[in-house]
Amino acid sequence: MRFLVIGSGGVGLGLSAFLLNAGQDVCLFSTKRSFDYLQRGFKVNGIFGEFAFGRGQYDLIKGFDEIDDSFDWVLITTKTYVNDRVAFELCRVKDRLKNTRLLVVQNGWGNAERFEGCFFKERVFSARIITGFYRKSPNEVEITVHADKMVLGNIFKKELSSQTQGVVDALNRGGFDAVVSEEVDKHLWAKLLYNCALNPLGAILRTEYGKLAEKPQTKRIMDRIIDEIFDVMHAYGYETFFKSAAEYKDVFYSKLIPLTYTHRSSMLQDIENLQKTEIDSLNGIVVRLGKDKGIPTPYNEFIVELIKAIEP
């Protein structure tokens, strides 16, 4: 299969490494800032081992007009705040992507919907990933933590989820655990709970995830964030794998945080790198959905305001 990976940050380069390791044909879509670095090759290291790829082992483009009709899959691994622009540009060249499927690999909720206007629900797939990809430089990524397998499926038409099997097989051959699921929406909500509780608070307090669970004050804040998300989720008829907020918290504190104890918030990395964060697609989407249903979300709203106050 031939993959176009839009977004040459940590997740994009990390997944590209596993696909290349499996013998797949990969083309990286790079920003001008990273293009010159990626001309020299890139490497991925960390808990899955070390991978290094020279420029001749993958293709590299820096403009949407360079996209052709050779791609089986387009992976969207950009930050969520550029989704509208990426969707607009892909719509411009959609005639070249008639046989191409999209896989959205991003944080938060509501991202796949940005692309269905151009590519229809049958060709837009989602992935949940709970792996720490730390971009050490424009062409070097370290994988620091890995809490669970990558999950792929279609949130709009669940019966089409099996169409991601080829991608799953390639990732597994390349050394990265992945599975197909008709319940990828439940996985996405579970990750949203995890991210909303930890990511912005870790950025605001500039501390590792594990330390947030050691203080009663930060635990109370995370508990209330989780409670509000469950209220919003249930109001819309969505489900995850936990019957209640209390059940989720038991797993959150006993399993999920210990697995990623030393992880450093991606929002903190963004802020330190003077970049915009993905707060709008995390706690921000909870606030927006809550307002639409008349559900108060004061803790999530306050977290959003604090992040926006320290964003560049």
C-alpha atoms as a PDB file:
ATOM      1  CA  MET A   1       0.000   0.000   0.000  1.00  0.00           C
ATOM      2  CA  ARG A   2       1.005   3.598  -0.539  1.00  0.00           C
ATOM      3  CA  PHE A   3       0.519   6.074   2.322  1.00  0.00           C
ATOM      4  CA  LEU A   4       0.528   9.857   2.382  1.00  0.00           C
ATOM      5  CA  VAL A   5       1.235  11.100   5.911  1.00  0.00           C
ATOM      6  CA  ILE A   6       0.086  14.687   6.404  1.00  0.00           C
ATOM      7  CA  GLY A   7       1.812  15.956   9.492  1.00  0.00           C
ATOM      8  CA  SER A   8       5.508  15.252   9.979  1.00  0.00           C
ATOM      9  CA  GLY A   9       5.539  15.739  13.727  1.00  0.00           C
ATOM     10  CA  GLY A  10       6.013  13.087  16.385  1.00  0.00           C
ATOM     11  CA  VAL A  11       2.999  10.917  15.551  1.00  0.00           C
ATOM     12  CA  GLY A  12       3.445  11.248  11.789  1.00  0.00           C
ATOM     13  CA  LEU A  13       7.118  10.319  11.791  1.00  0.00           C
ATOM     14  CA  GLY A  14       6.572   7.610  14.405  1.00  0.00           C
ATOM     15  CA  LEU A  15       3.854   5.822  12.436  1.00  0.00           C
ATOM     16  CA  SER A  16       5.776   6.333   9.195  1.00  0.00           C
ATOM     17  CA  ALA A  17       8.732   4.506  10.728  1.00  0.00           C
ATOM     18  CA  PHE A  18       6.610   1.431  11.504  1.00  0.00           C
ATOM     19  CA  LEU A  19       5.014   1.478   8.043  1.00  0.00           C
ATOM     20  CA  LEU A  20       8.416   1.772   6.378  1.00  0.00           C
ATOM     21  CA  ASN A  21       9.734  -0.998   8.598  1.00  0.00           C
ATOM     22  CA  ALA A  22       6.901  -3.170   7.218  1.00  0.00           C
ATOM     23  CA  GLY A  23       7.954  -2.446   3.650  1.00  0.00           C
ATOM     24  CA  GLN A  24       5.146  -0.001   2.865  1.00  0.00           C
ATOM     25  CA  ASP A  25       5.450   2.915   0.452  1.00  0.00           C
ATOM     26  CA  VAL A  26       5.354   6.183   2.444  1.00  0.00           C
ATOM     27  CA  CYS A  27       5.254   9.807   1.338  1.00  0.00           C
ATOM     28  CA  LEU A  28       5.670  12.510   3.969  1.00  0.00           C
ATOM     29  CA  PHE A  29       3.890  15.838   3.618  1.00  0.00           C
ATOM     30  CA  SER A  30       6.137  18.350   5.354  1.00  0.00           C
ATOM     31  CA  THR A  31       5.938  21.983   6.320  1.00  0.00           C
ATOM     32  CA  LYS A  32       8.603  24.292   4.951  1.00  0.00           C
ATOM     33  CA  ARG A  33      10.153  24.413   8.429  1.00  0.00           C
ATOM     34  CA  SER A  34      10.850  20.671   8.487  1.00  0.00           C
ATOM     35  CA  PHE A  35      11.368  19.987   4.788  1.00  0.00           C
ATOM     36  CA  ASP A  36      15.126  20.591   4.686  1.00  0.00           C
ATOM     37  CA  TYR A  37      15.683  18.386   7.741  1.00  0.00           C
ATOM     38  CA  LEU A  38      13.615  15.534   6.302  1.00  0.00           C
ATOM     39  CA  GLN A  39      15.599  15.735   3.087  1.00  0.00           C
ATOM     40  CA  ARG A  40      18.467  14.286   5.142  1.00  0.00           C
ATOM     41  CA  GLY A  41      16.424  11.406   6.594  1.00  0.00           C
ATOM     42  CA  PHE A  42      14.788  10.834   9.966  1.00  0.00           C
ATOM     43  CA  LYS A  43      15.062   8.512  12.938  1.00  0.00           C
ATOM     44  CA  VAL A  44      12.785   7.156  15.638  1.00  0.00           C
ATOM     45  CA  ASN A  45      14.033   5.663  18.910  1.00  0.00           C
ATOM     46  CA  GLY A  46      12.760   4.798  22.354  1.00  0.00           C
ATOM     47  CA  ILE A  47      10.861   1.890  23.869  1.00  0.00           C
ATOM     48  CA  PHE A  48      10.225   0.161  20.515  1.00  0.00           C
ATOM     49  CA  GLY A  49      13.874   0.238  19.471  1.00  0.00           C
ATOM     50  CA  GLU A  50      15.714   2.381  16.950  1.00  0.00           C
ATOM     51  CA  PHE A  51      14.786   3.034  13.323  1.00  0.00           C
ATOM     52  CA  ALA A  52      16.643   5.228  10.856  1.00  0.00           C
ATOM     53  CA  PHE A  53      15.580   5.994   7.300  1.00  0.00           C
ATOM     54  CA  GLY A  54      17.483   7.770   4.566  1.00  0.00           C
ATOM     55  CA  ARG A  55      15.903  10.161   2.111  1.00  0.00           C
ATOM     56  CA  GLY A  56      15.760   7.530  -0.645  1.00  0.00           C
ATOM     57  CA  GLN A  57      13.543   5.253   1.462  1.00  0.00           C
ATOM     58  CA  TYR A  58      10.498   7.544   1.411  1.00  0.00           C
ATOM     59  CA  ASP A  59       9.020  10.319  -0.708  1.00  0.00           C
ATOM     60  CA  LEU A  60       8.656  13.889   0.462  1.00  0.00           C
ATOM     61  CA  ILE A  61       6.325  16.679  -0.672  1.00  0.00           C
ATOM     62  CA  LYS A  62       5.527  20.141   0.699  1.00  0.00           C
ATOM     63  CA  GLY A  63       2.431  21.219  -1.226  1.00  0.00           C
ATOM     64  CA  PHE A  64      -1.093  19.900  -1.738  1.00  0.00           C
ATOM     65  CA  ASP A  65      -0.768  20.408  -5.491  1.00  0.00           C
ATOM     66  CA  GLU A  66       1.937  17.715  -5.467  1.00  0.00           C
ATOM     67  CA  ILE A  67      -0.583  15.069  -4.349  1.00  0.00           C
ATOM     68  CA  ASP A  68      -1.368  12.529  -7.060  1.00  0.00           C
ATOM     69  CA  ASP A  69      -3.773   9.597  -7.430  1.00  0.00           C
ATOM     70  CA  SER A  70      -1.348   6.917  -6.238  1.00  0.00           C
ATOM     71  CA  PHE A  71      -2.301   6.857  -2.555  1.00  0.00           C
ATOM     72  CA  ASP A  72      -4.359   4.137  -0.914  1.00  0.00           C
ATOM     73  CA  TRP A  73      -4.463   5.930   2.442  1.00  0.00           C
ATOM     74  CA  VAL A  74      -3.980   9.478   3.694  1.00  0.00           C
ATOM     75  CA  LEU A  75      -3.067   9.672   7.388  1.00  0.00           C
ATOM     76  CA  ILE A  76      -3.990  12.950   9.101  1.00  0.00           C
ATOM     77  CA  THR A  77      -1.528  13.385  11.965  1.00  0.00           C
ATOM     78  CA  THR A  78      -1.418  17.176  12.144  1.00  0.00           C
ATOM     79  CA  LYS A  79      -2.442  19.240  15.149  1.00  0.00           C
ATOM     80  CA  THR A  80      -6.221  19.532  15.255  1.00  0.00           C
ATOM     81  CA  TYR A  81      -6.301  23.328  14.946  1.00  0.00           C
ATOM     82  CA  VAL A  82      -5.248  23.089  11.273  1.00  0.00           C
ATOM     83  CA  ASN A  83      -7.990  20.593  10.327  1.00  0.00           C
ATOM     84  CA  ASP A  84     -10.156  23.150   8.553  1.00  0.00           C
ATOM     85  CA  ARG A  85      -7.277  24.254   6.363  1.00  0.00           C
ATOM     86  CA  VAL A  86      -6.171  20.685   5.608  1.00  0.00           C
ATOM     87  CA  ALA A  87      -9.750  19.675   4.764  1.00  0.00           C
ATOM     88  CA  PHE A  88     -10.107  22.677   2.456  1.00  0.00           C
ATOM     89  CA  GLU A  89      -6.875  21.868   0.618  1.00  0.00           C
ATOM     90  CA  LEU A  90      -7.738  18.178   0.278  1.00  0.00           C
ATOM     91  CA  CYS A  91     -11.125  19.142  -1.128  1.00  0.00           C
ATOM     92  CA  ARG A  92      -9.329  21.100  -3.841  1.00  0.00           C
ATOM     93  CA  VAL A  93      -7.542  17.956  -5.021  1.00  0.00           C
ATOM     94  CA  LYS A  94     -10.231  15.413  -4.156  1.00  0.00           C
ATOM     95  CA  ASP A  95     -10.515  14.302  -7.796  1.00  0.00           C
ATOM     96  CA  ARG A  96      -7.037  12.807  -7.382  1.00  0.00           C
ATOM     97  CA  LEU A  97      -8.140  10.956  -4.233  1.00  0.00           C
ATOM     98  CA  LYS A  98     -11.253   9.169  -5.505  1.00  0.00           C
ATOM     99  CA  ASN A  99      -9.974   5.764  -4.402  1.00  0.00           C
ATOM    100  CA  THR A 100      -8.220   6.979  -1.277  1.00  0.00           C
ATOM    101  CA  ARG A 101      -9.313   6.497   2.334  1.00  0.00           C
ATOM    102  CA  LEU A 102      -8.524   8.919   5.142  1.00  0.00           C
ATOM    103  CA  LEU A 103      -7.368   7.875   8.599  1.00  0.00           C
ATOM    104  CA  VAL A 104      -7.586  10.613  11.230  1.00  0.00           C
ATOM    105  CA  VAL A 105      -5.021  10.030  13.989  1.00  0.00           C
ATOM    106  CA  GLN A 106      -5.525  12.945  16.360  1.00  0.00           C
ATOM    107  CA  ASN A 107      -6.399  13.919  19.896  1.00  0.00           C
ATOM    108  CA  GLY A 108      -9.910  14.860  20.898  1.00  0.00           C
ATOM    109  CA  TRP A 109     -13.396  14.453  19.508  1.00  0.00           C
ATOM    110  CA  GLY A 110     -15.059  15.884  16.392  1.00  0.00           C
ATOM    111  CA  ASN A 111     -12.038  15.662  14.109  1.00  0.00           C
ATOM    112  CA  ALA A 112     -13.261  13.096  11.565  1.00  0.00           C
ATOM    113  CA  GLU A 113     -16.366  15.223  10.984  1.00  0.00           C
ATOM    114  CA  ARG A 114     -14.150  17.973   9.535  1.00  0.00           C
ATOM    115  CA  PHE A 115     -13.301  15.732   6.572  1.00  0.00           C
ATOM    116  CA  GLU A 116     -16.571  13.945   5.814  1.00  0.00           C
ATOM    117  CA  GLY A 117     -17.864  16.836   3.709  1.00  0.00           C
ATOM    118  CA  CYS A 118     -15.316  16.034   1.029  1.00  0.00           C
ATOM    119  CA  PHE A 119     -14.699  12.335   1.421  1.00  0.00           C
ATOM    120  CA  PHE A 120     -18.005  10.989   2.712  1.00  0.00           C
ATOM    121  CA  LYS A 121     -18.393   8.916   5.832  1.00  0.00           C
ATOM    122  CA  GLU A 122     -17.570   5.667   4.037  1.00  0.00           C
ATOM    123  CA  ARG A 123     -13.988   6.793   3.416  1.00  0.00           C
ATOM    124  CA  VAL A 124     -13.161   8.626   6.652  1.00  0.00           C
ATOM    125  CA  PHE A 125     -11.745   6.441   9.428  1.00  0.00           C
ATOM    126  CA  SER A 126     -10.483   7.250  12.912  1.00  0.00           C
ATOM    127  CA  ALA A 127      -7.732   5.933  15.132  1.00  0.00           C
ATOM    128  CA  ARG A 128      -7.135   6.091  18.841  1.00  0.00           C
ATOM    129  CA  ILE A 129      -3.546   6.030  19.948  1.00  0.00           C
ATOM    130  CA  ILE A 130      -2.160   6.210  23.497  1.00  0.00           C
ATOM    131  CA  THR A 131       1.547   6.419  22.855  1.00  0.00           C
ATOM    132  CA  GLY A 132       3.975   9.174  23.748  1.00  0.00           C
ATOM    133  CA  PHE A 133       5.817  10.528  20.697  1.00  0.00           C
ATOM    134  CA  TYR A 134       8.307  13.201  21.709  1.00  0.00           C
ATOM    135  CA  ARG A 135       9.766  15.172  18.814  1.00  0.00           C
ATOM    136  CA  LYS A 136      13.349  15.854  19.828  1.00  0.00           C
ATOM    137  CA  SER A 137      14.163  17.688  16.588  1.00  0.00           C
ATOM    138  CA  PRO A 138      12.481  18.190  13.183  1.00  0.00           C
ATOM    139  CA  ASN A 139      13.718  14.765  12.047  1.00  0.00           C
ATOM    140  CA  GLU A 140      14.093  12.803  15.287  1.00  0.00           C
ATOM    141  CA  VAL A 141      11.335  11.315  17.462  1.00  0.00           C
ATOM    142  CA  GLU A 142      11.545   9.445  20.759  1.00  0.00           C
ATOM    143  CA  ILE A 143       8.732   7.090  21.782  1.00  0.00           C
ATOM    144  CA  THR A 144       8.562   7.445  25.533  1.00  0.00           C
ATOM    145  CA  VAL A 145       5.442   5.560  26.686  1.00  0.00           C
ATOM    146  CA  HIS A 146       2.906   3.125  25.247  1.00  0.00           C
ATOM    147  CA  ALA A 147      -0.280   2.405  27.215  1.00  0.00           C
ATOM    148  CA  ASP A 148      -2.355   0.338  24.779  1.00  0.00           C
ATOM    149  CA  LYS A 149      -2.721  -0.884  21.200  1.00  0.00           C
ATOM    150  CA  MET A 150      -3.677   1.547  18.449  1.00  0.00           C
ATOM    151  CA  VAL A 151      -7.364   1.109  17.562  1.00  0.00           C
ATOM    152  CA  LEU A 152      -8.762   1.795  14.067  1.00  0.00           C
ATOM    153  CA  GLY A 153     -12.327   1.933  12.779  1.00  0.00           C
ATOM    154  CA  ASN A 154     -15.138   4.020  11.317  1.00  0.00           C
ATOM    155  CA  ILE A 155     -17.210   6.083  13.767  1.00  0.00           C
ATOM    156  CA  PHE A 156     -19.948   6.803  11.188  1.00  0.00           C
ATOM    157  CA  LYS A 157     -20.498   3.357   9.678  1.00  0.00           C
ATOM    158  CA  LYS A 158     -19.139   0.819  12.126  1.00  0.00           C
ATOM    159  CA  GLU A 159     -19.591  -2.103   9.742  1.00  0.00           C
ATOM    160  CA  LEU A 160     -16.903  -0.567   7.485  1.00  0.00           C
ATOM    161  CA  SER A 161     -14.242  -0.669  10.194  1.00  0.00           C
ATOM    162  CA  SER A 162     -12.813  -3.885   8.742  1.00  0.00           C
ATOM    163  CA  GLN A 163     -11.516  -1.846   5.792  1.00  0.00           C
ATOM    164  CA  THR A 164      -8.678  -0.704   8.065  1.00  0.00           C
ATOM    165  CA  GLN A 165      -7.370  -4.280   8.388  1.00  0.00           C
ATOM    166  CA  GLY A 166      -4.622  -3.703   5.824  1.00  0.00           C
ATOM    167  CA  VAL A 167      -3.288  -0.741   7.785  1.00  0.00           C
ATOM    168  CA  VAL A 168      -3.466  -2.720  11.016  1.00  0.00           C
ATOM    169  CA  ASP A 169      -1.561  -5.628   9.456  1.00  0.00           C
ATOM    170  CA  ALA A 170       1.136  -3.293   8.149  1.00  0.00           C
ATOM    171  CA  LEU A 171       1.614  -1.606  11.524  1.00  0.00           C
ATOM    172  CA  ASN A 172       1.811  -4.967  13.290  1.00  0.00           C
ATOM    173  CA  ARG A 173       4.404  -6.236  10.819  1.00  0.00           C
ATOM    174  CA  GLY A 174       6.350  -3.059  11.375  1.00  0.00           C
ATOM    175  CA  GLY A 175       6.419  -3.626  15.138  1.00  0.00           C
ATOM    176  CA  PHE A 176       3.551  -1.436  16.385  1.00  0.00           C
ATOM    177  CA  ASP A 177       0.501  -3.090  17.966  1.00  0.00           C
ATOM    178  CA  ALA A 178      -2.786  -2.184  16.292  1.00  0.00           C
ATOM    179  CA  VAL A 179      -6.299  -3.662  16.075  1.00  0.00           C
ATOM    180  CA  VAL A 180      -9.546  -3.093  14.174  1.00  0.00           C
ATOM    181  CA  SER A 181     -12.610  -2.210  16.245  1.00  0.00           C
ATOM    182  CA  GLU A 182     -16.223  -1.340  15.480  1.00  0.00           C
ATOM    183  CA  GLU A 183     -16.189   0.532  18.783  1.00  0.00           C
ATOM    184  CA  VAL A 184     -13.485   3.059  17.963  1.00  0.00           C
ATOM    185  CA  ASP A 185     -15.858   5.829  19.118  1.00  0.00           C
ATOM    186  CA  LYS A 186     -15.816   4.358  22.640  1.00  0.00           C
ATOM    187  CA  HIS A 187     -12.027   4.282  22.525  1.00  0.00           C
ATOM    188  CA  LEU A 188     -11.932   7.926  21.413  1.00  0.00           C
ATOM    189  CA  TRP A 189     -14.156   9.001  24.312  1.00  0.00           C
ATOM    190  CA  ALA A 190     -12.000   7.027  26.735  1.00  0.00           C
ATOM    191  CA  LYS A 191      -8.919   8.805  25.426  1.00  0.00           C
ATOM    192  CA  LEU A 192     -10.695  12.150  25.624  1.00  0.00           C
ATOM    193  CA  LEU A 193     -11.333  11.505  29.313  1.00  0.00           C
ATOM    194  CA  TYR A 194      -7.668  10.676  29.849  1.00  0.00           C
ATOM    195  CA  ASN A 195      -6.361  13.641  27.848  1.00  0.00           C
ATOM    196  CA  CYS A 196      -8.719  16.246  29.269  1.00  0.00           C
ATOM    197  CA  ALA A 197      -7.883  15.300  32.844  1.00  0.00           C
ATOM    198  CA  LEU A 198      -4.111  15.179  32.428  1.00  0.00           C
ATOM    199  CA  ASN A 199      -2.831  17.073  29.403  1.00  0.00           C
ATOM    200  CA  PRO A 200      -3.795  20.687  30.199  1.00  0.00           C
ATOM    201  CA  LEU A 201      -3.244  20.357  33.948  1.00  0.00           C
ATOM    202  CA  GLY A 202       0.208  18.907  33.325  1.00  0.00           C
ATOM    203  CA  ALA A 203       0.954  21.903  31.100  1.00  0.00           C
ATOM    204  CA  ILE A 204      -0.344  24.487  33.547  1.00  0.00           C
ATOM    205  CA  LEU A 205       1.591  23.015  36.493  1.00  0.00           C
ATOM    206  CA  ARG A 206       4.559  21.912  34.349  1.00  0.00           C
ATOM    207  CA  THR A 207       4.729  18.471  35.885  1.00  0.00           C
ATOM    208  CA  GLU A 208       4.583  14.790  34.924  1.00  0.00           C
ATOM    209  CA  TYR A 209       1.260  12.968  34.802  1.00  0.00           C
ATOM    210  CA  GLY A 210       2.052  10.757  37.770  1.00  0.00           C
ATOM    211  CA  LYS A 211       2.604  13.693  40.109  1.00  0.00           C
ATOM    212  CA  LEU A 212      -0.867  15.038  39.350  1.00  0.00           C
ATOM    213  CA  ALA A 213      -2.335  11.988  41.094  1.00  0.00           C
ATOM    214  CA  GLU A 214      -0.229  12.487  44.222  1.00  0.00           C
ATOM    215  CA  LYS A 215      -1.834  15.738  45.391  1.00  0.00           C
ATOM    216  CA  PRO A 216      -5.426  15.821  46.713  1.00  0.00           C
ATOM    217  CA  GLN A 217      -5.945  19.248  45.128  1.00  0.00           C
ATOM    218  CA  THR A 218      -5.100  18.142  41.586  1.00  0.00           C
ATOM    219  CA  LYS A 219      -7.008  14.883  42.064  1.00  0.00           C
ATOM    220  CA  ARG A 220     -10.138  16.850  42.945  1.00  0.00           C
ATOM    221  CA  ILE A 221      -9.743  18.970  39.817  1.00  0.00           C
ATOM    222  CA  MET A 222      -9.286  15.904  37.614  1.00  0.00           C
ATOM    223  CA  ASP A 223     -12.267  14.198  39.250  1.00  0.00           C
ATOM    224  CA  ARG A 224     -14.535  17.138  38.422  1.00  0.00           C
ATOM    225  CA  ILE A 225     -13.260  17.326  34.822  1.00  0.00           C
ATOM    226  CA  ILE A 226     -14.090  13.635  34.420  1.00  0.00           C
ATOM    227  CA  ASP A 227     -17.532  14.046  36.004  1.00  0.00           C
ATOM    228  CA  GLU A 228     -18.410  16.829  33.569  1.00  0.00           C
ATOM    229  CA  ILE A 229     -17.289  14.816  30.556  1.00  0.00           C
ATOM    230  CA  PHE A 230     -19.495  11.903  31.588  1.00  0.00           C
ATOM    231  CA  ASP A 231     -22.440  14.290  31.921  1.00  0.00           C
ATOM    232  CA  VAL A 232     -21.881  15.615  28.403  1.00  0.00           C
ATOM    233  CA  MET A 233     -21.188  12.211  26.893  1.00  0.00           C
ATOM    234  CA  HIS A 234     -24.382  10.685  28.292  1.00  0.00           C
ATOM    235  CA  ALA A 235     -26.459  13.696  27.234  1.00  0.00           C
ATOM    236  CA  TYR A 236     -25.504  13.004  23.615  1.00  0.00           C
ATOM    237  CA  GLY A 237     -26.067   9.273  23.876  1.00  0.00           C
ATOM    238  CA  TYR A 238     -22.391   8.397  23.538  1.00  0.00           C
ATOM    239  CA  GLU A 239     -20.772   5.596  25.513  1.00  0.00           C
ATOM    240  CA  THR A 240     -17.361   4.426  26.526  1.00  0.00           C
ATOM    241  CA  PHE A 241     -16.246   1.230  28.253  1.00  0.00           C
ATOM    242  CA  PHE A 242     -17.076   2.452  31.752  1.00  0.00           C
ATOM    243  CA  LYS A 243     -20.600   2.603  33.152  1.00  0.00           C
ATOM    244  CA  SER A 244     -19.916   5.587  35.375  1.00  0.00           C
ATOM    245  CA  ALA A 245     -17.370   8.265  36.176  1.00  0.00           C
ATOM    246  CA  ALA A 246     -16.513   6.413  39.377  1.00  0.00           C
ATOM    247  CA  GLU A 247     -15.721   3.227  37.472  1.00  0.00           C
ATOM    248  CA  TYR A 248     -13.496   5.161  35.076  1.00  0.00           C
ATOM    249  CA  LYS A 249     -11.647   6.888  37.927  1.00  0.00           C
ATOM    250  CA  ASP A 250     -10.769   3.526  39.480  1.00  0.00           C
ATOM    251  CA  VAL A 251      -9.005   2.487  36.258  1.00  0.00           C
ATOM    252  CA  PHE A 252      -7.599   5.967  35.660  1.00  0.00           C
ATOM    253  CA  TYR A 253      -5.764   6.127  38.976  1.00  0.00           C
ATOM    254  CA  SER A 254      -4.874   2.450  39.370  1.00  0.00           C
ATOM    255  CA  LYS A 255      -3.765   1.630  35.813  1.00  0.00           C
ATOM    256  CA  LEU A 256      -3.632   4.476  33.309  1.00  0.00           C
ATOM    257  CA  ILE A 257      -1.628   7.018  35.277  1.00  0.00           C
ATOM    258  CA  PRO A 258       0.960   4.477  36.518  1.00  0.00           C
ATOM    259  CA  LEU A 259       1.513   3.340  32.911  1.00  0.00           C
ATOM    260  CA  THR A 260       2.334   6.909  31.858  1.00  0.00           C
ATOM    261  CA  TYR A 261       3.658   8.207  35.182  1.00  0.00           C
ATOM    262  CA  THR A 262       6.669  10.063  33.743  1.00  0.00           C
ATOM    263  CA  HIS A 263       4.943  11.330  30.608  1.00  0.00           C
ATOM    264  CA  ARG A 264       5.229  15.028  29.884  1.00  0.00           C
ATOM    265  CA  SER A 265       2.160  16.831  28.558  1.00  0.00           C
ATOM    266  CA  SER A 266       2.083  17.463  24.817  1.00  0.00           C
ATOM    267  CA  MET A 267       0.440  20.816  25.591  1.00  0.00           C
ATOM    268  CA  LEU A 268       3.416  21.732  27.736  1.00  0.00           C
ATOM    269  CA  GLN A 269       5.712  20.845  24.839  1.00  0.00           C
ATOM    270  CA  ASP A 270       3.617  23.040  22.537  1.00  0.00           C
ATOM    271  CA  ILE A 271       3.706  25.974  24.937  1.00  0.00           C
ATOM    272  CA  GLU A 272       7.456  25.656  25.472  1.00  0.00           C
ATOM    273  CA  ASN A 273       7.905  25.560  21.699  1.00  0.00           C
ATOM    274  CA  LEU A 274       5.748  28.694  21.349  1.00  0.00           C
ATOM    275  CA  GLN A 275       3.056  26.797  19.450  1.00  0.00           C
ATOM    276  CA  LYS A 276      -0.715  26.771  19.707  1.00  0.00           C
ATOM    277  CA  THR A 277      -2.240  23.882  21.700  1.00  0.00           C
ATOM    278  CA  GLU A 278      -5.087  21.472  20.906  1.00  0.00           C
ATOM    279  CA  ILE A 279      -7.213  22.621  23.850  1.00  0.00           C
ATOM    280  CA  ASP A 280     -10.205  23.431  21.620  1.00  0.00           C
ATOM    281  CA  SER A 281     -10.582  19.808  20.501  1.00  0.00           C
ATOM    282  CA  LEU A 282     -10.118  18.480  24.044  1.00  0.00           C
ATOM    283  CA  ASN A 283     -11.649  20.337  26.992  1.00  0.00           C
ATOM    284  CA  GLY A 284     -12.906  22.955  24.554  1.00  0.00           C
ATOM    285  CA  ILE A 285     -15.139  20.480  22.713  1.00  0.00           C
ATOM    286  CA  VAL A 286     -16.564  19.366  26.077  1.00  0.00           C
ATOM    287  CA  VAL A 287     -17.447  22.973  26.889  1.00  0.00           C
ATOM    288  CA  ARG A 288     -19.043  23.557  23.469  1.00  0.00           C
ATOM    289  CA  LEU A 289     -21.082  20.360  23.552  1.00  0.00           C
ATOM    290  CA  GLY A 290     -22.133  21.113  27.119  1.00  0.00           C
ATOM    291  CA  LYS A 291     -23.380  24.581  26.207  1.00  0.00           C
ATOM    292  CA  ASP A 292     -25.420  23.166  23.324  1.00  0.00           C
ATOM    293  CA  LYS A 293     -27.237  20.889  25.796  1.00  0.00           C
ATOM    294  CA  GLY A 294     -27.385  23.337  28.691  1.00  0.00           C
ATOM    295  CA  ILE A 295     -24.963  21.247  30.783  1.00  0.00           C
ATOM    296  CA  PRO A 296     -22.571  23.231  33.018  1.00  0.00           C
ATOM    297  CA  THR A 297     -18.884  22.394  32.608  1.00  0.00           C
ATOM    298  CA  PRO A 298     -17.147  24.964  34.865  1.00  0.00           C
ATOM    299  CA  TYR A 299     -13.969  22.967  35.514  1.00  0.00           C
ATOM    300  CA  ASN A 300     -13.380  22.230  31.838  1.00  0.00           C
ATOM    301  CA  GLU A 301     -14.162  25.846  30.971  1.00  0.00           C
ATOM    302  CA  PHE A 302     -11.713  27.172  33.564  1.00  0.00           C
ATOM    303  CA  ILE A 303      -8.978  24.825  32.273  1.00  0.00           C
ATOM    304  CA  VAL A 304      -9.570  26.098  28.728  1.00  0.00           C
ATOM    305  CA  GLU A 305      -9.244  29.703  29.883  1.00  0.00           C
ATOM    306  CA  LEU A 306      -6.002  28.985  31.753  1.00  0.00           C
ATOM    307  CA  ILE A 307      -4.425  27.250  28.752  1.00  0.00           C
ATOM    308  CA  LYS A 308      -5.426  30.081  26.430  1.00  0.00           C
ATOM    309  CA  ALA A 309      -3.896  32.546  28.896  1.00  0.00           C
ATOM    310  CA  ILE A 310      -0.477  30.861  28.675  1.00  0.00           C
ATOM    311  CA  GLU A 311      -0.582  29.946  24.996  1.00  0.00           C
ATOM    312  CA  PRO A 312       1.770  31.985  22.770  1.00  0.00           C
END
